[in-house]
Amino acid sequence: MSPQIPGIHHVTAIAGDPQQNLDFYTGLLGLRLVKRTVNFDDPYTYHLYYGDQLGRPGGILTFFPWPGAPRGRRGAGQLTATSFSVPAPALGYWMERLKSHGVAFEGPTRRFEEEVLTFGDRDGLQLELVAGSEADPRGPWKEGPVPADQAIRGFYGVTVSEEGYEQTAALLTATLGFRRAREAGNRFRYEAGSGGPGAVVDVLCLPAAPPGRVGVGTVHHVAWRASNDEEQKYWRGRIADLGFNVTPVLDRNYFRSIYFREPGGVLFEIATDPPGFTADEPPEQLGTRLKLPPWLEPHRAEIEQRLPPLHLPATGTH
């Protein structure tokens, strides 16, 4: 039997100031900083990973913070909204929390069977808090500033905007094994694996939209899950056989990755679940120190000198 993609592994976006980014995602949204490392291709830039207690696949939002870099533009050929799952009774709490932190939001609005709050982070990255019709069984990060019964559970899904949706839809269904779940107007929903939170991708057909431009406040890529190296090898062969340019397997220390562009232009990654973020730090120390891959350790002193300092917000205060 062919392997199945269970859902989203992570989403990677571009930020401006790293401290502002850290304060927003840990201090306001209540996610845990699960890894503080560097961009392996640009080691004088941070790569920050946020998630639940262990940074489990399905809720990992990562950032390359480039202070002073130009702003991007959301548009066709991009992932344009990243959605987090929250309990249905929590939306009132989140409306007050966003308001008290000076964050403008829209909603809640109805989408299929969900209630959705839409807002942006400090760089304008479009985010959503989604309360679905069924309870999300995943546990939150309990030691952050948001009460556990209100806290984010992980991703609900992602939205990709496309000039036309048919070729992207064909890749998702015929190749990657997603199934078409529902549609409304120009929004087409697909689900991976057993479906539900963490396995949802909406394709928006926007033929008149300008093309997106990567920069601060936009998403760089979305990664789908492969349970192990063997499954990733299968996916790489299948995608290459269809004529897509796909990278060799790249070691990212906490997972292994392959990358390719889907027909509408969005950069897709398929990342392995193992080894995870405890590969080089015990669970209780995740995100507390700068971690470097072995080939960059000889340059640690220079890297640390050139990176801006980061200060973790206090946790456990609701």
Protein backbone atom coordinates (compact mmCIF):
# COMPACT_ATOMS: atom_id res chain seq x y z
CA MET A 1 0.00 0.00 0.00
CA SER A 2 1.26 3.48 -0.84
CA PRO A 3 2.17 5.71 2.12
CA GLN A 4 -0.17 8.49 3.19
CA ILE A 5 0.70 12.07 4.06
CA PRO A 6 -0.87 12.58 7.52
CA GLY A 7 -1.02 16.37 7.19
CA ILE A 8 1.05 19.51 7.69
CA HIS A 9 4.54 19.23 9.16
CA HIS A 10 5.45 22.93 9.43
CA VAL A 11 5.09 26.34 7.83
CA THR A 12 8.08 28.65 7.37
CA ALA A 13 7.69 32.41 7.01
CA ILE A 14 9.86 35.52 6.87
CA ALA A 15 9.93 38.05 9.69
CA GLY A 16 11.66 41.35 10.36
CA ASP A 17 12.92 41.93 13.89
CA PRO A 18 13.60 38.62 15.72
CA GLN A 19 12.77 39.92 19.21
CA GLN A 20 9.45 41.34 18.04
CA ASN A 21 8.70 37.99 16.40
CA LEU A 22 9.59 36.07 19.57
CA ASP A 23 7.48 38.35 21.77
CA PHE A 24 4.44 37.96 19.53
CA TYR A 25 4.45 34.19 19.15
CA THR A 26 5.50 33.23 22.68
CA GLY A 27 4.22 36.21 24.66
CA LEU A 28 0.91 36.86 22.88
CA LEU A 29 -0.02 33.62 21.09
CA GLY A 30 1.43 31.42 23.83
CA LEU A 31 3.48 29.07 21.65
CA ARG A 32 6.71 27.58 22.89
CA LEU A 33 10.04 28.46 21.33
CA VAL A 34 11.16 24.89 20.67
CA LYS A 35 14.36 25.60 18.77
CA ARG A 36 16.69 28.56 18.46
CA THR A 37 19.06 27.84 15.60
CA VAL A 38 20.25 29.51 12.39
CA ASN A 39 19.37 29.41 8.72
CA PHE A 40 21.70 26.67 7.50
CA ASP A 41 22.13 28.53 4.19
CA ASP A 42 22.61 31.94 5.89
CA PRO A 43 24.11 31.19 9.33
CA TYR A 44 24.15 34.80 10.50
CA THR A 45 20.34 34.74 10.45
CA TYR A 46 18.22 33.06 13.10
CA HIS A 47 15.84 30.22 12.35
CA LEU A 48 13.20 30.23 15.11
CA TYR A 49 10.75 27.36 15.60
CA TYR A 50 7.52 27.66 17.60
CA GLY A 51 5.11 24.90 18.58
CA ASP A 52 3.71 22.86 21.43
CA GLN A 53 5.65 21.37 24.32
CA LEU A 54 7.83 19.19 22.08
CA GLY A 55 7.37 20.90 18.72
CA ARG A 56 5.32 18.06 17.30
CA PRO A 57 4.65 18.03 13.55
CA GLY A 58 1.33 19.63 12.71
CA GLY A 59 1.84 22.80 14.71
CA ILE A 60 5.36 24.06 13.97
CA LEU A 61 5.60 27.63 12.67
CA THR A 62 9.15 28.69 11.84
CA PHE A 63 10.70 32.01 10.87
CA PHE A 64 13.73 33.45 9.16
CA PRO A 65 13.98 36.94 10.72
CA TRP A 66 15.77 39.37 8.39
CA PRO A 67 15.84 42.84 10.02
CA GLY A 68 15.51 45.59 7.43
CA ALA A 69 14.50 43.25 4.61
CA PRO A 70 11.77 44.49 2.22
CA ARG A 71 8.15 43.65 2.84
CA GLY A 72 6.60 40.93 0.75
CA ARG A 73 3.21 40.89 -0.94
CA ARG A 74 0.53 38.26 -0.53
CA GLY A 75 -0.81 37.04 -3.85
CA ALA A 76 -1.22 34.17 -6.26
CA GLY A 77 1.33 31.37 -6.00
CA GLN A 78 1.67 31.74 -2.24
CA LEU A 79 0.46 30.33 1.02
CA THR A 80 -1.61 33.31 2.15
CA ALA A 81 -3.13 32.27 5.51
CA THR A 82 -1.87 30.05 8.33
CA SER A 83 -4.64 28.82 10.61
CA PHE A 84 -4.32 27.66 14.23
CA SER A 85 -6.83 25.43 15.99
CA VAL A 86 -8.41 26.66 19.25
CA PRO A 87 -11.32 25.34 21.35
CA ALA A 88 -14.70 26.76 20.31
CA PRO A 89 -15.36 28.42 23.71
CA ALA A 90 -11.98 30.21 23.47
CA LEU A 91 -12.81 32.66 20.67
CA GLY A 92 -14.18 35.25 23.10
CA TYR A 93 -11.00 35.01 25.15
CA TRP A 94 -8.87 35.49 22.05
CA MET A 95 -10.87 38.50 20.87
CA GLU A 96 -10.19 40.20 24.19
CA ARG A 97 -6.54 39.12 24.20
CA LEU A 98 -5.87 40.44 20.70
CA LYS A 99 -7.67 43.68 21.49
CA SER A 100 -5.70 44.19 24.71
CA HIS A 101 -2.43 43.79 22.78
CA GLY A 102 -3.47 46.25 20.08
CA VAL A 103 -3.93 43.62 17.39
CA ALA A 104 -6.78 44.32 14.95
CA PHE A 105 -8.85 41.34 13.86
CA GLU A 106 -11.83 40.45 11.71
CA GLY A 107 -14.60 38.07 12.70
CA PRO A 108 -15.53 35.68 13.93
CA THR A 109 -16.83 34.70 10.50
CA ARG A 110 -18.39 31.43 9.41
CA ARG A 111 -16.48 29.15 7.02
CA PHE A 112 -17.87 25.72 6.32
CA GLU A 113 -18.45 24.36 9.85
CA GLU A 114 -15.93 26.63 11.58
CA GLU A 115 -15.71 30.02 13.24
CA VAL A 116 -12.67 32.02 12.13
CA LEU A 117 -10.82 35.03 13.57
CA THR A 118 -8.42 36.67 11.08
CA PHE A 119 -5.52 38.94 12.06
CA GLY A 120 -1.90 39.71 11.28
CA ASP A 121 1.31 39.48 13.26
CA ARG A 122 3.59 42.50 13.72
CA ASP A 123 4.98 42.01 10.20
CA GLY A 124 1.59 41.58 8.56
CA LEU A 125 1.71 37.79 8.20
CA GLN A 126 -1.92 36.67 7.88
CA LEU A 127 -3.01 34.31 10.64
CA GLU A 128 -6.30 32.72 11.65
CA LEU A 129 -7.67 31.20 14.82
CA VAL A 130 -10.19 28.52 13.90
CA ALA A 131 -12.74 26.84 16.15
CA GLY A 132 -13.95 23.71 14.40
CA SER A 133 -17.14 21.78 14.98
CA GLU A 134 -15.29 18.91 16.71
CA ALA A 135 -12.90 19.04 19.66
CA ASP A 136 -9.19 19.01 18.80
CA PRO A 137 -7.60 16.22 20.91
CA ARG A 138 -4.08 17.64 20.76
CA GLY A 139 -2.65 19.17 23.92
CA PRO A 140 -1.41 22.78 24.15
CA TRP A 141 1.77 24.27 25.57
CA LYS A 142 0.67 24.44 29.20
CA GLU A 143 3.46 26.57 30.66
CA GLY A 144 2.97 29.62 28.47
CA PRO A 145 0.99 32.79 29.15
CA VAL A 146 -2.33 31.47 27.76
CA PRO A 147 -4.55 29.25 29.97
CA ALA A 148 -4.47 25.65 28.75
CA ASP A 149 -8.22 25.51 28.13
CA GLN A 150 -7.97 28.52 25.77
CA ALA A 151 -4.61 27.79 24.15
CA ILE A 152 -3.64 26.94 20.57
CA ARG A 153 -3.62 23.21 19.80
CA GLY A 154 -1.55 23.30 16.63
CA PHE A 155 -2.43 24.09 13.04
CA TYR A 156 -5.96 23.85 11.77
CA GLY A 157 -4.86 24.24 8.15
CA VAL A 158 -3.37 26.49 5.50
CA THR A 159 -4.75 28.46 2.58
CA VAL A 160 -2.91 28.69 -0.74
CA SER A 161 -3.92 31.26 -3.34
CA GLU A 162 -3.69 30.27 -6.99
CA GLU A 163 -4.36 31.88 -10.36
CA GLY A 164 -6.15 28.64 -11.28
CA TYR A 165 -6.77 25.70 -9.00
CA GLU A 166 -7.13 22.61 -11.25
CA GLN A 167 -3.45 21.64 -11.59
CA THR A 168 -2.75 22.22 -7.90
CA ALA A 169 -5.84 20.19 -7.03
CA ALA A 170 -4.69 17.36 -9.29
CA LEU A 171 -1.29 17.25 -7.58
CA LEU A 172 -2.88 17.22 -4.12
CA THR A 173 -5.35 14.45 -4.94
CA ALA A 174 -3.89 12.24 -7.68
CA THR A 175 -0.28 12.40 -6.47
CA LEU A 176 -0.15 13.31 -2.78
CA GLY A 177 -3.30 11.45 -1.77
CA PHE A 178 -5.39 14.33 -0.42
CA ARG A 179 -9.14 14.11 -0.93
CA ARG A 180 -11.53 16.87 -1.88
CA ALA A 181 -13.71 17.57 1.14
CA ARG A 182 -15.96 20.53 0.29
CA GLU A 183 -16.14 23.79 -1.62
CA ALA A 184 -17.80 27.19 -1.42
CA GLY A 185 -17.46 29.76 -4.19
CA ASN A 186 -13.78 29.98 -5.11
CA ARG A 187 -12.56 28.07 -2.00
CA PHE A 188 -11.82 24.36 -2.46
CA ARG A 189 -10.93 22.28 0.59
CA TYR A 190 -8.70 19.21 0.62
CA GLU A 191 -7.80 16.96 3.54
CA ALA A 192 -4.90 14.59 4.10
CA GLY A 193 -4.82 11.36 6.07
CA SER A 194 -7.70 11.05 8.51
CA GLY A 195 -8.55 14.72 8.05
CA GLY A 196 -9.41 17.24 10.75
CA PRO A 197 -7.18 19.87 12.36
CA GLY A 198 -3.62 19.80 11.04
CA ALA A 199 -4.60 18.07 7.80
CA VAL A 200 -6.54 20.79 5.97
CA VAL A 201 -5.50 22.81 2.91
CA ASP A 202 -7.83 25.30 1.24
CA VAL A 203 -7.11 26.31 -2.34
CA LEU A 204 -8.39 29.79 -3.24
CA CYS A 205 -8.84 30.40 -6.96
CA LEU A 206 -7.94 34.07 -7.58
CA PRO A 207 -7.40 34.58 -11.33
CA ALA A 208 -7.25 38.38 -10.99
CA ALA A 209 -4.83 38.46 -8.03
CA PRO A 210 -1.31 39.81 -8.57
CA PRO A 211 1.49 37.31 -8.07
CA GLY A 212 2.82 37.09 -4.54
CA ARG A 213 6.27 38.41 -3.70
CA VAL A 214 8.36 36.75 -1.01
CA GLY A 215 9.53 39.10 1.73
CA VAL A 216 8.88 40.09 5.32
CA GLY A 217 5.33 39.17 6.33
CA THR A 218 4.89 36.34 3.83
CA VAL A 219 5.22 32.56 3.91
CA HIS A 220 8.29 30.98 2.34
CA HIS A 221 7.03 27.38 2.14
CA VAL A 222 4.74 24.75 3.60
CA ALA A 223 5.96 21.27 4.57
CA TRP A 224 3.90 18.09 4.51
CA ARG A 225 4.63 15.13 6.75
CA ALA A 226 6.43 11.91 5.90
CA SER A 227 6.41 9.38 8.74
CA ASN A 228 9.96 8.17 8.03
CA ASP A 229 12.85 8.22 5.55
CA GLU A 230 11.43 5.37 3.47
CA GLU A 231 8.17 7.22 2.87
CA GLN A 232 10.04 10.38 1.96
CA LYS A 233 12.10 8.41 -0.57
CA TYR A 234 8.86 7.10 -2.07
CA TRP A 235 7.44 10.62 -2.38
CA ARG A 236 10.63 11.95 -3.94
CA GLY A 237 10.56 9.26 -6.63
CA ARG A 238 6.88 9.75 -7.34
CA ILE A 239 7.22 13.53 -7.68
CA ALA A 240 10.34 13.28 -9.84
CA ASP A 241 8.64 10.74 -12.13
CA LEU A 242 5.97 13.37 -12.85
CA GLY A 243 8.62 15.76 -14.16
CA PHE A 244 8.88 18.10 -11.18
CA ASN A 245 12.27 19.44 -10.17
CA VAL A 246 12.74 18.08 -6.66
CA THR A 247 15.79 18.56 -4.47
CA PRO A 248 17.92 15.77 -3.05
CA VAL A 249 17.20 14.86 0.57
CA LEU A 250 18.58 17.63 2.79
CA ASP A 251 19.43 17.10 6.45
CA ARG A 252 17.83 19.79 8.63
CA ASN A 253 19.04 18.17 11.91
CA TYR A 254 15.49 17.86 13.31
CA PHE A 255 13.99 16.37 10.14
CA ARG A 256 15.03 15.59 6.59
CA SER A 257 13.56 17.53 3.70
CA ILE A 258 12.85 17.55 -0.02
CA TYR A 259 11.50 20.62 -1.85
CA PHE A 260 9.64 21.25 -5.10
CA ARG A 261 7.24 23.84 -6.54
CA GLU A 262 3.66 22.82 -7.17
CA PRO A 263 2.09 23.90 -10.50
CA GLY A 264 0.78 27.21 -9.11
CA GLY A 265 4.18 28.21 -7.75
CA VAL A 266 3.90 27.50 -4.01
CA LEU A 267 7.07 25.95 -2.59
CA PHE A 268 6.21 22.55 -1.10
CA GLU A 269 8.43 20.55 1.22
CA ILE A 270 8.02 17.00 2.45
CA ALA A 271 9.69 16.60 5.85
CA THR A 272 10.20 13.54 8.03
CA ASP A 273 8.64 13.38 11.49
CA PRO A 274 11.85 12.09 13.13
CA PRO A 275 14.23 12.79 14.72
CA GLY A 276 12.45 15.82 16.26
CA PHE A 277 13.61 18.73 18.38
CA THR A 278 14.83 16.68 21.34
CA ALA A 279 17.64 15.34 19.14
CA ASP A 280 20.08 17.86 20.64
CA GLU A 281 18.24 19.25 23.70
CA PRO A 282 16.25 17.65 26.52
CA PRO A 283 12.53 18.54 26.53
CA GLU A 284 12.79 20.92 29.48
CA GLN A 285 15.53 22.98 27.77
CA LEU A 286 14.04 23.32 24.29
CA GLY A 287 14.65 26.76 22.80
CA THR A 288 16.77 28.06 25.66
CA ARG A 289 20.16 27.98 23.88
CA LEU A 290 21.46 28.60 20.39
CA LYS A 291 21.88 25.21 18.72
CA LEU A 292 24.13 24.82 15.68
CA PRO A 293 24.63 21.89 13.33
CA PRO A 294 28.03 20.18 13.69
CA TRP A 295 29.53 21.86 10.62
CA LEU A 296 28.84 25.31 12.05
CA GLU A 297 30.10 24.65 15.59
CA PRO A 298 33.66 25.77 14.73
CA HIS A 299 32.18 29.20 13.85
CA ARG A 300 30.00 29.53 16.98
CA ALA A 301 31.84 32.51 18.46
CA GLU A 302 31.54 34.57 15.27
CA ILE A 303 27.91 33.54 14.71
CA GLU A 304 26.91 34.45 18.27
CA GLN A 305 28.68 37.79 17.98
CA ARG A 306 26.83 38.70 14.78
CA LEU A 307 23.35 37.53 15.81
CA PRO A 308 21.21 40.02 17.77
CA PRO A 309 20.50 39.01 21.40
CA LEU A 310 17.16 37.36 22.14
CA HIS A 311 15.29 37.45 25.45
CA LEU A 312 12.53 34.96 26.20
CA PRO A 313 9.39 36.50 27.70
CA ALA A 314 8.39 35.27 31.14
CA THR A 315 6.09 32.22 31.03
CA GLY A 316 3.30 30.94 33.17
CA THR A 317 1.51 34.28 33.62
CA HIS A 318 -2.05 34.32 32.32
